[in-house]
Amino acid sequence: MAVAAKKRSSNAKGSVAAARGKKKPSSAGRRGAPSGATWEFVKSVAWMVLIFLVVRAFFVEAFRIPSGSMTPTLLVGDWLFVNKLVYGPHIPFTDASLPGYAEPRRGEVVVFQSPTQIDQPEDPTPTLVKRLIGMPGDTIYMRQAVVYVNGIAQRQGYGAAANEVGDPNETNELFGWQRNYALANTRFGSAPDVPTHDNWGPLLIPPAHYMMLGDNRYNSKDSRYWGFVPRANIRGRPIFVYYSYDTDAGLPWLRGLTEVRWGRIGHQIK
């Protein structure tokens, strides 16, 4: 009788719990909880990655300076933030770009995709940073290491005077592209038959194309070698240096920590 009473009591309690809508959590529900938490974590990471990719593709991207072609404006070891929205962000995996809010101007430092460089098949179209010297429709030439645009000398800043000087009479087979744009019998003279490093042009820049030169003229492979840059290749304008370290000083594996150029952090690029 006591056993029967206990069974009736437990059955009664079960009926009351069922009537109140209470259920004991099943083992299947308990097993499902970690899966739900994992899925939420995966979704959060996916959203973060997506936001990062959108910002990187259309707004701001980090860029590292690997060479001294823009010394003293930019140094090897500088890390820049590049404004990709200004000239119209390029849509990845396509040949199209979105509208920007400004057009490239003479004298600006610009990030762009290089025209094909036939002498480096391993990386024929690298992303570069140079100074925009020539605009569409300009007549541009160089005499005795001075660039002239439409007959007006474009003097470099005082800092460039400290850059190394190379052979002004250097010739290069890569200069051959200039023949297609060279002018003869103009008020600026005629283009030389054999252009040299410091004596070339006048050249007429075609529509929707730009001429880019490095500030470190004797240590810069630029438009003199691979030609004018199409408007569609321009990717953005550097904003400021967010990190910099001396790549030649200190121990190689510690330079990023011990050789920081604190004075360059936050440096605006002009």
Foldseek 3Di string as FASTA:
>chain_A
DVVVVVVVVVVVVVVVCVVVVHDDDDPVVVVCVVVVVVVVVVVVVVVVVVVVVCCCQAAKHKDADCDDLAPPLDDHFFIFIWGQQAQFGDDPPDLDTGHHNDHDDAFAWFWFWADADPVCVVRRTDIDIFGWHFAAFWFWWFAPQWIATNRHTDDADPRLVPADDDDQFAFDPLLVVQVVFADADDPVHGADPTAGLGGGGRGHHHHQWTFGGHSNSVGDDGCSRRHTHGNSGTRGGTFFGQWGFDCPDDDNVCGRPPGTPVVRHRHGRD
